[in-house]
Structure formats: C-alpha cells, structure tokens
Amino acid sequence: MSLTSTAEIAIAQEIQQSFERKSKPILDTLEYAARSLRALALNGDYYDVLDISACRMAFVLGDISGKGLPAALLMASLRASIVAQRPDAFDNLPRMLKKVHEVFYESSPPDHFASLFFADYNERAGSLRYVNCGHVPPLLFSYDGEVERLGPTAPVIGVFNHWNGTVDEVTPKRGNVLVMFTDGGSKGKAILDGVN
C-alpha cells in the first residue's frame, strides 16, 4: 500500500497522533514532559507513559528503523504489543519485552528493527528499573552535577530470532533529572524526587 494523496497522509497522521494519551499518570515524586518533532509527515518514533499500578509507572521510548509510512505502521504494531500487556507482565521486564520482540520479529520485514528504552519507576521503592534495547542511552543528571548513562542491557527488538535482555536499576535521588531522546527528535524529561 502506498500513500499518494494528501488526504491519505492526513488520515495516517491523525491515526498516529491519536496514540498520544488523553490522560497521563500522576505520581507525587515525579514531574515529566515529552515532545515529538517529526522530520517527515510520518515517523517511527514512539514514546509513552504507562500507568502500571498505584505509585508505579513506566516510560517507553522507541525508534523504528526506516522512515515514512512503513516505520509508522511498525511503530503502531510495537506500541500495540506493549500496551496490550497485562499489568502483572511488567513485574518481569525481560519476559514481557521478549514477548514484544517475538511479535515484532514475526510481523516485520527482516531489514527492520526497533531500539527501545523501557523504564519502570516505583516511587514507594524509590527505584527505576530499566531495559535498554540498543537505544541511545538516556542520561540521569544528579543534583551534584554527576551524569549517569543508562546504557544498553539488551539487543534491539526484531533482529535476532532469540532475544534475551537484563534489567538494570538505579535509585534516583531528590531532584534528579532523567533525559530520554531519539535521533528522530522525540524526547522526554522526568524530574525524579526519589524517596532517598
């Protein structure tokens, strides 16, 4: 399928914009903002905030290889496989992301893949658990000027038949700032006022 008319592109853009949530989770120890700047009419960048449970939420940031409509459609598929997860699936991030990988791997062309950063913030525990699937490392800025890179803990989604990842964890302090971004122009910032 190819988009040839302005009307068809407008419809595809409207569908992509509908993915932005109307309501967003609120936590006492967290302020956050996100923005997406498209270079083309359609793109494969993806960000989301998910309400997992009381005092717990997830940040998701991804980038699909390629541009235009094919990347946008793959992004929609990736997003759907993440938001369709049951809340208890987020207790085991590697297992959950392995399922996401399997869906993406089976339903995408062999030359497409996705980098993905998935973080689970628990304000009661004061922890940020994350899996970085080959994504540009987010930066955690501390109040005293230190910067920590949250580097890859897993391969990108959709390349290898067998996928395995590990979880890493940081303990944010009051006033820490987490900056997440893609090369396509999506970025997010979270100010973490941890319990420590």
N, C-alpha and C. Protein backbone atom coordinates (compact mmCIF):
# COMPACT_ATOMS: atom_id res chain seq x y z
N MET A 1 0.85 -1.18 0.00
CA MET A 1 0.00 0.00 0.00
C MET A 1 0.88 1.23 0.00
N SER A 2 0.58 2.19 -0.84
CA SER A 2 1.35 3.43 -0.84
C SER A 2 0.40 4.61 -0.66
N LEU A 3 0.87 5.57 0.07
CA LEU A 3 0.07 6.79 0.25
C LEU A 3 0.42 7.75 -0.87
N THR A 4 -0.57 8.13 -1.63
CA THR A 4 -0.30 9.02 -2.76
C THR A 4 -0.97 10.37 -2.62
N SER A 5 -2.03 10.44 -1.85
CA SER A 5 -2.75 11.70 -1.78
C SER A 5 -2.52 12.39 -0.44
N THR A 6 -2.71 13.68 -0.46
CA THR A 6 -2.59 14.47 0.77
C THR A 6 -3.62 14.01 1.80
N ALA A 7 -4.81 13.64 1.33
CA ALA A 7 -5.87 13.18 2.24
C ALA A 7 -5.45 11.89 2.95
N GLU A 8 -4.83 10.96 2.22
CA GLU A 8 -4.39 9.70 2.82
C GLU A 8 -3.29 9.94 3.86
N ILE A 9 -2.36 10.84 3.55
CA ILE A 9 -1.30 11.17 4.51
C ILE A 9 -1.90 11.81 5.76
N ALA A 10 -2.89 12.68 5.57
CA ALA A 10 -3.53 13.34 6.70
C ALA A 10 -4.23 12.32 7.59
N ILE A 11 -4.87 11.32 6.99
CA ILE A 11 -5.54 10.28 7.78
C ILE A 11 -4.51 9.49 8.58
N ALA A 12 -3.39 9.13 7.94
CA ALA A 12 -2.34 8.39 8.64
C ALA A 12 -1.75 9.21 9.79
N GLN A 13 -1.57 10.51 9.58
CA GLN A 13 -1.06 11.39 10.64
C GLN A 13 -2.05 11.46 11.80
N GLU A 14 -3.33 11.54 11.47
CA GLU A 14 -4.35 11.61 12.52
C GLU A 14 -4.36 10.34 13.36
N ILE A 15 -4.20 9.18 12.72
CA ILE A 15 -4.13 7.92 13.45
C ILE A 15 -2.92 7.92 14.37
N GLN A 16 -1.76 8.35 13.83
CA GLN A 16 -0.54 8.36 14.64
C GLN A 16 -0.67 9.32 15.82
N GLN A 17 -1.27 10.48 15.61
CA GLN A 17 -1.43 11.45 16.69
C GLN A 17 -2.41 10.95 17.75
N SER A 18 -3.33 10.06 17.36
CA SER A 18 -4.31 9.55 18.32
C SER A 18 -3.66 8.66 19.37
N PHE A 19 -2.41 8.24 19.13
CA PHE A 19 -1.71 7.41 20.11
C PHE A 19 -1.33 8.20 21.36
N GLU A 20 -1.29 9.53 21.26
CA GLU A 20 -0.95 10.32 22.44
C GLU A 20 -2.09 10.23 23.45
N ARG A 21 -1.73 9.93 24.67
CA ARG A 21 -2.73 9.69 25.70
C ARG A 21 -3.43 10.97 26.13
N LYS A 22 -4.73 10.85 26.37
CA LYS A 22 -5.51 11.99 26.83
C LYS A 22 -5.30 12.22 28.32
N SER A 23 -5.11 11.14 29.08
CA SER A 23 -4.82 11.27 30.50
C SER A 23 -3.49 10.58 30.77
N LYS A 24 -2.72 11.16 31.67
CA LYS A 24 -1.40 10.63 31.96
C LYS A 24 -1.28 10.36 33.46
N PRO A 25 -0.51 9.32 33.81
CA PRO A 25 -0.35 9.00 35.24
C PRO A 25 0.25 10.17 36.01
N ILE A 26 -0.14 10.29 37.27
CA ILE A 26 0.40 11.33 38.15
C ILE A 26 0.99 10.64 39.38
N LEU A 27 2.23 10.98 39.69
CA LEU A 27 2.88 10.48 40.90
C LEU A 27 3.36 11.68 41.71
N ASP A 28 3.40 11.52 43.03
CA ASP A 28 3.79 12.61 43.92
C ASP A 28 5.25 13.02 43.75
N THR A 29 6.11 12.08 43.39
CA THR A 29 7.55 12.35 43.37
C THR A 29 8.10 12.53 41.96
N LEU A 30 7.24 12.85 41.00
CA LEU A 30 7.67 12.88 39.61
C LEU A 30 6.97 13.97 38.81
N GLU A 31 7.75 14.71 38.06
CA GLU A 31 7.21 15.61 37.04
C GLU A 31 7.81 15.15 35.73
N TYR A 32 7.02 15.17 34.64
CA TYR A 32 7.57 14.73 33.36
C TYR A 32 6.90 15.47 32.21
N ALA A 33 7.62 15.50 31.09
CA ALA A 33 7.12 16.12 29.87
C ALA A 33 7.73 15.39 28.69
N ALA A 34 7.05 15.41 27.54
CA ALA A 34 7.56 14.76 26.34
C ALA A 34 7.15 15.55 25.12
N ARG A 35 7.94 15.40 24.07
CA ARG A 35 7.65 16.12 22.82
C ARG A 35 8.20 15.32 21.66
N SER A 36 7.48 15.34 20.55
CA SER A 36 7.93 14.66 19.34
C SER A 36 7.96 15.66 18.19
N LEU A 37 9.11 15.78 17.56
CA LEU A 37 9.29 16.67 16.42
C LEU A 37 9.59 15.81 15.20
N ARG A 38 8.65 15.72 14.28
CA ARG A 38 8.82 14.86 13.11
C ARG A 38 9.62 15.57 12.03
N ALA A 39 10.56 14.84 11.43
CA ALA A 39 11.29 15.36 10.27
C ALA A 39 10.47 15.17 9.01
N LEU A 40 9.65 14.11 8.97
CA LEU A 40 8.79 13.82 7.82
C LEU A 40 7.34 13.83 8.27
N ALA A 41 6.42 13.67 7.30
CA ALA A 41 5.00 13.67 7.62
C ALA A 41 4.65 12.55 8.60
N LEU A 42 5.33 11.40 8.46
CA LEU A 42 5.11 10.27 9.34
C LEU A 42 6.46 9.77 9.82
N ASN A 43 6.48 9.20 11.02
CA ASN A 43 7.76 8.69 11.51
C ASN A 43 7.58 7.42 12.33
N GLY A 44 8.68 6.86 12.76
CA GLY A 44 8.66 5.64 13.55
C GLY A 44 9.10 5.84 14.98
N ASP A 45 9.13 7.08 15.45
CA ASP A 45 9.47 7.34 16.85
C ASP A 45 8.23 7.08 17.71
N TYR A 46 8.48 6.61 18.92
CA TYR A 46 7.38 6.25 19.80
C TYR A 46 7.75 6.59 21.24
N TYR A 47 6.86 7.28 21.93
CA TYR A 47 7.04 7.47 23.36
C TYR A 47 5.69 7.28 24.05
N ASP A 48 5.75 6.87 25.30
CA ASP A 48 4.52 6.65 26.03
C ASP A 48 4.83 6.68 27.53
N VAL A 49 3.80 6.92 28.31
CA VAL A 49 3.86 6.76 29.77
C VAL A 49 2.70 5.84 30.13
N LEU A 50 3.00 4.81 30.92
CA LEU A 50 2.00 3.80 31.23
C LEU A 50 1.75 3.76 32.73
N ASP A 51 0.50 3.74 33.10
CA ASP A 51 0.11 3.61 34.50
C ASP A 51 0.11 2.12 34.83
N ILE A 52 1.11 1.67 35.59
CA ILE A 52 1.24 0.24 35.89
C ILE A 52 0.39 -0.13 37.10
N SER A 53 0.54 0.61 38.18
CA SER A 53 -0.24 0.36 39.40
C SER A 53 -0.07 1.58 40.30
N ALA A 54 -0.64 1.52 41.49
CA ALA A 54 -0.51 2.65 42.41
C ALA A 54 0.97 2.91 42.68
N CYS A 55 1.36 4.17 42.56
CA CYS A 55 2.73 4.62 42.84
C CYS A 55 3.75 4.03 41.87
N ARG A 56 3.32 3.61 40.70
CA ARG A 56 4.24 2.97 39.75
C ARG A 56 3.82 3.30 38.33
N MET A 57 4.80 3.70 37.50
CA MET A 57 4.51 3.99 36.10
C MET A 57 5.72 3.63 35.25
N ALA A 58 5.49 3.55 33.95
CA ALA A 58 6.57 3.21 33.03
C ALA A 58 6.74 4.31 32.01
N PHE A 59 8.01 4.50 31.58
CA PHE A 59 8.35 5.37 30.46
C PHE A 59 8.78 4.46 29.32
N VAL A 60 8.31 4.73 28.13
CA VAL A 60 8.71 3.96 26.95
C VAL A 60 9.16 4.94 25.88
N LEU A 61 10.31 4.65 25.28
CA LEU A 61 10.80 5.46 24.17
C LEU A 61 11.41 4.53 23.15
N GLY A 62 10.97 4.63 21.91
CA GLY A 62 11.47 3.73 20.87
C GLY A 62 11.70 4.45 19.56
N ASP A 63 12.46 3.79 18.71
CA ASP A 63 12.76 4.33 17.39
C ASP A 63 12.81 3.16 16.40
N ILE A 64 11.92 3.18 15.43
CA ILE A 64 11.86 2.13 14.41
C ILE A 64 12.81 2.50 13.27
N SER A 65 13.52 1.51 12.75
CA SER A 65 14.39 1.78 11.59
C SER A 65 13.52 2.15 10.40
N GLY A 66 14.06 3.01 9.56
CA GLY A 66 13.32 3.44 8.37
C GLY A 66 12.55 4.72 8.62
N LYS A 67 11.88 5.17 7.59
CA LYS A 67 11.15 6.44 7.64
C LYS A 67 9.77 6.26 7.02
N GLY A 68 8.95 7.27 7.16
CA GLY A 68 7.67 7.33 6.47
C GLY A 68 6.66 6.31 6.96
N LEU A 69 5.74 5.94 6.04
CA LEU A 69 4.63 5.07 6.39
C LEU A 69 5.06 3.70 6.91
N PRO A 70 6.04 3.00 6.29
CA PRO A 70 6.42 1.69 6.84
C PRO A 70 6.86 1.77 8.29
N ALA A 71 7.67 2.76 8.63
CA ALA A 71 8.12 2.91 10.02
C ALA A 71 6.95 3.26 10.94
N ALA A 72 6.04 4.10 10.46
CA ALA A 72 4.89 4.49 11.28
C ALA A 72 4.00 3.28 11.57
N LEU A 73 3.80 2.41 10.58
CA LEU A 73 2.98 1.22 10.78
C LEU A 73 3.64 0.25 11.75
N LEU A 74 4.96 0.08 11.63
CA LEU A 74 5.68 -0.79 12.56
C LEU A 74 5.65 -0.23 13.98
N MET A 75 5.74 1.10 14.09
CA MET A 75 5.64 1.75 15.39
C MET A 75 4.28 1.47 16.02
N ALA A 76 3.23 1.53 15.21
CA ALA A 76 1.89 1.26 15.73
C ALA A 76 1.78 -0.18 16.23
N SER A 77 2.39 -1.10 15.50
CA SER A 77 2.39 -2.50 15.91
C SER A 77 3.16 -2.71 17.21
N LEU A 78 4.32 -2.07 17.31
CA LEU A 78 5.14 -2.17 18.53
C LEU A 78 4.38 -1.60 19.72
N ARG A 79 3.79 -0.45 19.54
CA ARG A 79 3.03 0.18 20.63
C ARG A 79 1.89 -0.73 21.09
N ALA A 80 1.17 -1.30 20.13
CA ALA A 80 0.03 -2.16 20.47
C ALA A 80 0.48 -3.37 21.28
N SER A 81 1.62 -3.94 20.93
CA SER A 81 2.08 -5.13 21.65
C SER A 81 2.53 -4.78 23.07
N ILE A 82 2.92 -3.53 23.30
CA ILE A 82 3.32 -3.11 24.66
C ILE A 82 2.09 -2.78 25.50
N VAL A 83 1.19 -1.96 24.97
CA VAL A 83 0.05 -1.53 25.79
C VAL A 83 -0.95 -2.67 26.01
N ALA A 84 -0.88 -3.74 25.22
CA ALA A 84 -1.78 -4.87 25.40
C ALA A 84 -1.34 -5.79 26.55
N GLN A 85 -0.17 -5.54 27.12
CA GLN A 85 0.33 -6.38 28.20
C GLN A 85 -0.52 -6.21 29.46
N ARG A 86 -0.68 -7.31 30.18
CA ARG A 86 -1.38 -7.24 31.48
C ARG A 86 -0.49 -6.51 32.47
N PRO A 87 -1.05 -5.81 33.45
CA PRO A 87 -0.23 -5.07 34.43
C PRO A 87 0.82 -5.92 35.12
N ASP A 88 0.51 -7.20 35.42
CA ASP A 88 1.49 -8.02 36.11
C ASP A 88 2.65 -8.44 35.21
N ALA A 89 2.52 -8.25 33.89
CA ALA A 89 3.62 -8.57 32.97
C ALA A 89 4.82 -7.66 33.23
N PHE A 90 4.57 -6.46 33.74
CA PHE A 90 5.66 -5.50 33.96
C PHE A 90 6.52 -5.86 35.17
N ASP A 91 6.09 -6.86 35.94
CA ASP A 91 6.92 -7.32 37.06
C ASP A 91 8.16 -8.06 36.56
N ASN A 92 8.09 -8.62 35.37
CA ASN A 92 9.23 -9.32 34.77
C ASN A 92 9.51 -8.68 33.41
N LEU A 93 10.28 -7.59 33.43
CA LEU A 93 10.52 -6.82 32.19
C LEU A 93 11.17 -7.65 31.09
N PRO A 94 12.20 -8.47 31.36
CA PRO A 94 12.78 -9.24 30.26
C PRO A 94 11.78 -10.19 29.60
N ARG A 95 10.96 -10.85 30.40
CA ARG A 95 9.97 -11.77 29.82
C ARG A 95 8.93 -10.99 29.00
N MET A 96 8.47 -9.85 29.51
CA MET A 96 7.49 -9.05 28.80
C MET A 96 8.07 -8.54 27.47
N LEU A 97 9.31 -8.02 27.52
CA LEU A 97 9.91 -7.49 26.30
C LEU A 97 10.28 -8.60 25.32
N LYS A 98 10.54 -9.80 25.81
CA LYS A 98 10.79 -10.93 24.92
C LYS A 98 9.53 -11.24 24.11
N LYS A 99 8.36 -11.15 24.75
CA LYS A 99 7.09 -11.36 24.03
C LYS A 99 6.88 -10.25 22.99
N VAL A 100 7.19 -9.01 23.39
CA VAL A 100 7.07 -7.89 22.45
C VAL A 100 8.00 -8.12 21.25
N HIS A 101 9.23 -8.56 21.53
CA HIS A 101 10.18 -8.86 20.46
C HIS A 101 9.64 -9.94 19.53
N GLU A 102 9.09 -11.00 20.08
CA GLU A 102 8.60 -12.11 19.25
C GLU A 102 7.51 -11.65 18.30
N VAL A 103 6.59 -10.82 18.80
CA VAL A 103 5.53 -10.29 17.93
C VAL A 103 6.13 -9.42 16.84
N PHE A 104 7.04 -8.53 17.21
CA PHE A 104 7.66 -7.63 16.24
C PHE A 104 8.48 -8.42 15.21
N TYR A 105 9.24 -9.39 15.67
CA TYR A 105 10.10 -10.19 14.80
C TYR A 105 9.28 -10.95 13.76
N GLU A 106 8.15 -11.50 14.18
CA GLU A 106 7.32 -12.29 13.27
C GLU A 106 6.51 -11.42 12.31
N SER A 107 6.26 -10.18 12.67
CA SER A 107 5.34 -9.37 11.86
C SER A 107 6.02 -8.22 11.11
N SER A 108 7.36 -8.17 11.11
CA SER A 108 8.04 -7.08 10.42
C SER A 108 9.02 -7.62 9.38
N PRO A 109 9.32 -6.82 8.35
CA PRO A 109 10.30 -7.25 7.35
C PRO A 109 11.66 -7.49 8.00
N PRO A 110 12.48 -8.37 7.41
CA PRO A 110 13.76 -8.72 8.04
C PRO A 110 14.74 -7.56 8.19
N ASP A 111 14.58 -6.50 7.41
CA ASP A 111 15.53 -5.39 7.48
C ASP A 111 15.05 -4.27 8.42
N HIS A 112 14.02 -4.53 9.20
CA HIS A 112 13.53 -3.52 10.14
C HIS A 112 13.74 -3.98 11.58
N PHE A 113 13.99 -3.02 12.45
CA PHE A 113 14.19 -3.31 13.87
C PHE A 113 13.78 -2.08 14.66
N ALA A 114 13.78 -2.23 15.96
CA ALA A 114 13.42 -1.11 16.84
C ALA A 114 14.38 -1.06 18.01
N SER A 115 14.90 0.12 18.28
CA SER A 115 15.57 0.34 19.56
C SER A 115 14.49 0.78 20.53
N LEU A 116 14.66 0.41 21.80
CA LEU A 116 13.60 0.67 22.77
C LEU A 116 14.21 0.86 24.15
N PHE A 117 13.73 1.87 24.86
CA PHE A 117 14.08 2.05 26.27
C PHE A 117 12.80 1.95 27.07
N PHE A 118 12.78 1.02 28.02
CA PHE A 118 11.60 0.81 28.86
C PHE A 118 12.02 0.91 30.32
N ALA A 119 11.42 1.86 31.04
CA ALA A 119 11.77 2.07 32.45
C ALA A 119 10.52 2.00 33.32
N ASP A 120 10.66 1.33 34.45
CA ASP A 120 9.58 1.15 35.42
C ASP A 120 9.98 1.93 36.68
N TYR A 121 9.26 3.02 36.96
CA TYR A 121 9.57 3.85 38.13
C TYR A 121 8.60 3.52 39.25
N ASN A 122 9.15 3.14 40.40
CA ASN A 122 8.35 2.79 41.58
C ASN A 122 8.68 3.81 42.68
N GLU A 123 7.75 4.73 42.94
CA GLU A 123 8.07 5.78 43.90
C GLU A 123 8.10 5.27 45.33
N ARG A 124 7.37 4.21 45.65
CA ARG A 124 7.42 3.66 47.01
C ARG A 124 8.79 3.06 47.30
N ALA A 125 9.32 2.32 46.32
CA ALA A 125 10.64 1.69 46.49
C ALA A 125 11.77 2.68 46.22
N GLY A 126 11.45 3.79 45.56
CA GLY A 126 12.48 4.76 45.18
C GLY A 126 13.43 4.22 44.13
N SER A 127 12.90 3.38 43.22
CA SER A 127 13.77 2.73 42.24
C SER A 127 13.28 2.96 40.82
N LEU A 128 14.21 2.92 39.88
CA LEU A 128 13.92 2.98 38.45
C LEU A 128 14.59 1.76 37.82
N ARG A 129 13.77 0.76 37.49
CA ARG A 129 14.28 -0.43 36.80
C ARG A 129 14.12 -0.20 35.30
N TYR A 130 15.12 -0.63 34.52
CA TYR A 130 15.01 -0.38 33.08
C TYR A 130 15.66 -1.49 32.27
N VAL A 131 15.17 -1.59 31.02
CA VAL A 131 15.80 -2.42 30.00
C VAL A 131 16.04 -1.50 28.81
N ASN A 132 17.28 -1.43 28.38
CA ASN A 132 17.62 -0.60 27.22
C ASN A 132 17.97 -1.54 26.06
N CYS A 133 17.06 -1.61 25.10
CA CYS A 133 17.21 -2.49 23.94
C CYS A 133 17.91 -1.74 22.82
N GLY A 134 19.22 -1.54 22.98
CA GLY A 134 20.02 -0.90 21.94
C GLY A 134 19.66 0.53 21.63
N HIS A 135 19.01 1.21 22.57
CA HIS A 135 18.59 2.60 22.33
C HIS A 135 19.69 3.57 22.76
N VAL A 136 19.62 4.79 22.23
CA VAL A 136 20.53 5.85 22.66
C VAL A 136 20.41 5.96 24.18
N PRO A 137 21.52 5.86 24.93
CA PRO A 137 21.40 5.85 26.40
C PRO A 137 20.79 7.13 26.96
N PRO A 138 19.70 7.01 27.71
CA PRO A 138 19.19 8.17 28.44
C PRO A 138 20.23 8.64 29.46
N LEU A 139 20.11 9.88 29.87
CA LEU A 139 21.06 10.48 30.80
C LEU A 139 20.34 10.82 32.10
N LEU A 140 20.92 10.39 33.22
CA LEU A 140 20.38 10.70 34.53
C LEU A 140 21.30 11.72 35.18
N PHE A 141 20.80 12.95 35.32
CA PHE A 141 21.57 14.05 35.91
C PHE A 141 21.24 14.14 37.39
N SER A 142 22.27 14.17 38.21
CA SER A 142 22.05 14.30 39.65
C SER A 142 22.22 15.77 40.06
N TYR A 143 21.74 16.08 41.24
CA TYR A 143 21.77 17.45 41.74
C TYR A 143 23.20 17.97 41.89
N ASP A 144 24.15 17.06 42.18
CA ASP A 144 25.54 17.48 42.37
C ASP A 144 26.35 17.53 41.08
N GLY A 145 25.69 17.37 39.93
CA GLY A 145 26.36 17.51 38.65
C GLY A 145 26.83 16.22 38.00
N GLU A 146 26.68 15.10 38.67
CA GLU A 146 27.08 13.82 38.07
C GLU A 146 26.06 13.42 37.01
N VAL A 147 26.57 12.73 35.97
CA VAL A 147 25.72 12.25 34.89
C VAL A 147 25.94 10.75 34.72
N GLU A 148 24.86 10.01 34.72
CA GLU A 148 24.93 8.55 34.53
C GLU A 148 24.21 8.19 33.24
N ARG A 149 24.89 7.42 32.39
CA ARG A 149 24.31 6.94 31.14
C ARG A 149 23.65 5.58 31.40
N LEU A 150 22.37 5.47 31.00
CA LEU A 150 21.65 4.21 31.19
C LEU A 150 21.78 3.40 29.90
N GLY A 151 22.93 2.76 29.77
CA GLY A 151 23.31 2.09 28.54
C GLY A 151 22.55 0.81 28.25
N PRO A 152 22.82 0.22 27.08
CA PRO A 152 22.11 -0.99 26.64
C PRO A 152 22.27 -2.17 27.60
N THR A 153 21.16 -2.87 27.79
CA THR A 153 21.14 -4.10 28.59
C THR A 153 20.57 -5.25 27.77
N ALA A 154 20.23 -4.97 26.50
CA ALA A 154 19.61 -5.97 25.63
C ALA A 154 19.82 -5.56 24.18
N PRO A 155 19.72 -6.52 23.25
CA PRO A 155 19.81 -6.16 21.83
C PRO A 155 18.54 -5.46 21.36
N VAL A 156 18.62 -4.85 20.19
CA VAL A 156 17.44 -4.20 19.61
C VAL A 156 16.34 -5.23 19.39
N ILE A 157 15.13 -4.74 19.25
CA ILE A 157 13.96 -5.59 19.03
C ILE A 157 13.85 -5.92 17.54
N GLY A 158 13.63 -7.19 17.22
CA GLY A 158 13.29 -7.58 15.86
C GLY A 158 14.40 -8.06 14.97
N VAL A 159 15.64 -8.14 15.44
CA VAL A 159 16.74 -8.57 14.58
C VAL A 159 17.02 -10.05 14.73
N PHE A 160 17.16 -10.50 15.96
CA PHE A 160 17.57 -11.88 16.21
C PHE A 160 16.36 -12.76 16.52
N ASN A 161 16.44 -14.00 16.08
CA ASN A 161 15.38 -14.95 16.35
C ASN A 161 15.22 -15.15 17.86
N HIS A 162 16.33 -15.31 18.56
CA HIS A 162 16.31 -15.47 20.01
C HIS A 162 16.78 -14.17 20.66
N TRP A 163 15.98 -13.66 21.57
CA TRP A 163 16.26 -12.38 22.22
C TRP A 163 16.28 -12.58 23.71
N ASN A 164 17.27 -12.01 24.36
CA ASN A 164 17.35 -12.02 25.82
C ASN A 164 17.86 -10.67 26.30
N GLY A 165 17.31 -10.20 27.38
CA GLY A 165 17.75 -8.94 27.95
C GLY A 165 17.83 -9.02 29.46
N THR A 166 18.47 -8.05 30.05
CA THR A 166 18.56 -7.99 31.51
C THR A 166 18.06 -6.64 32.00
N VAL A 167 17.71 -6.61 33.25
CA VAL A 167 17.22 -5.39 33.90
C VAL A 167 18.37 -4.75 34.66
N ASP A 168 18.48 -3.46 34.56
CA ASP A 168 19.39 -2.71 35.43
C ASP A 168 18.52 -1.80 36.28
N GLU A 169 19.10 -1.27 37.34
CA GLU A 169 18.31 -0.47 38.27
C GLU A 169 19.14 0.68 38.81
N VAL A 170 18.51 1.83 38.94
CA VAL A 170 19.14 2.98 39.59
C VAL A 170 18.20 3.46 40.69
N THR A 171 18.78 4.15 41.66
CA THR A 171 17.99 4.70 42.76
C THR A 171 18.07 6.22 42.67
N PRO A 172 17.07 6.84 42.07
CA PRO A 172 17.11 8.30 41.92
C PRO A 172 17.07 9.02 43.26
N LYS A 173 17.77 10.12 43.31
CA LYS A 173 17.75 10.98 44.48
C LYS A 173 16.86 12.19 44.19
N ARG A 174 16.52 12.91 45.21
CA ARG A 174 15.68 14.10 45.05
C ARG A 174 16.31 15.08 44.06
N GLY A 175 15.51 15.52 43.10
CA GLY A 175 15.97 16.50 42.13
C GLY A 175 16.71 15.92 40.93
N ASN A 176 16.86 14.59 40.84
CA ASN A 176 17.49 14.00 39.66
C ASN A 176 16.63 14.28 38.43
N VAL A 177 17.28 14.42 37.28
CA VAL A 177 16.58 14.65 36.02
C VAL A 177 16.99 13.55 35.04
N LEU A 178 16.01 12.85 34.50
CA LEU A 178 16.24 11.82 33.51
C LEU A 178 15.84 12.37 32.15
N VAL A 179 16.78 12.35 31.20
CA VAL A 179 16.51 12.85 29.85
C VAL A 179 16.61 11.69 28.88
N MET A 180 15.53 11.43 28.15
CA MET A 180 15.47 10.36 27.16
C MET A 180 15.23 10.99 25.80
N PHE A 181 15.84 10.44 24.75
CA PHE A 181 15.70 11.03 23.43
C PHE A 181 15.97 10.00 22.34
N THR A 182 15.55 10.32 21.12
CA THR A 182 15.88 9.51 19.95
C THR A 182 16.56 10.41 18.94
N ASP A 183 17.17 9.79 17.95
CA ASP A 183 17.80 10.60 16.90
C ASP A 183 16.76 11.21 15.98
N GLY A 184 15.51 10.75 16.10
CA GLY A 184 14.46 11.28 15.24
C GLY A 184 13.77 12.51 15.80
N GLY A 185 14.09 12.90 17.01
CA GLY A 185 13.52 14.13 17.54
C GLY A 185 12.53 13.95 18.67
N SER A 186 12.20 12.72 19.05
CA SER A 186 11.35 12.54 20.22
C SER A 186 12.22 12.65 21.46
N LYS A 187 11.71 13.33 22.45
CA LYS A 187 12.49 13.44 23.68
C LYS A 187 11.54 13.54 24.86
N GLY A 188 12.05 13.13 26.00
CA GLY A 188 11.28 13.22 27.22
C GLY A 188 12.18 13.60 28.36
N LYS A 189 11.61 14.21 29.35
CA LYS A 189 12.36 14.61 30.53
C LYS A 189 11.53 14.30 31.75
N ALA A 190 12.16 13.71 32.75
CA ALA A 190 11.46 13.44 34.00
C ALA A 190 12.32 13.96 35.14
N ILE A 191 11.69 14.71 36.04
CA ILE A 191 12.37 15.16 37.26
C ILE A 191 11.93 14.21 38.36
N LEU A 192 12.88 13.47 38.90
CA LEU A 192 12.59 12.43 39.88
C LEU A 192 12.94 12.93 41.27
N ASP A 193 11.95 13.05 42.11
CA ASP A 193 12.19 13.40 43.51
C ASP A 193 12.05 12.12 44.33
N GLY A 194 13.09 11.29 44.27
CA GLY A 194 13.07 10.00 44.93
C GLY A 194 12.92 10.11 46.42
N VAL A 195 12.65 9.00 47.04
CA VAL A 195 12.44 8.99 48.49
C VAL A 195 13.75 9.09 49.24
N ASN A 196 14.89 8.93 48.55
CA ASN A 196 16.19 8.96 49.22
C ASN A 196 16.73 10.38 49.29
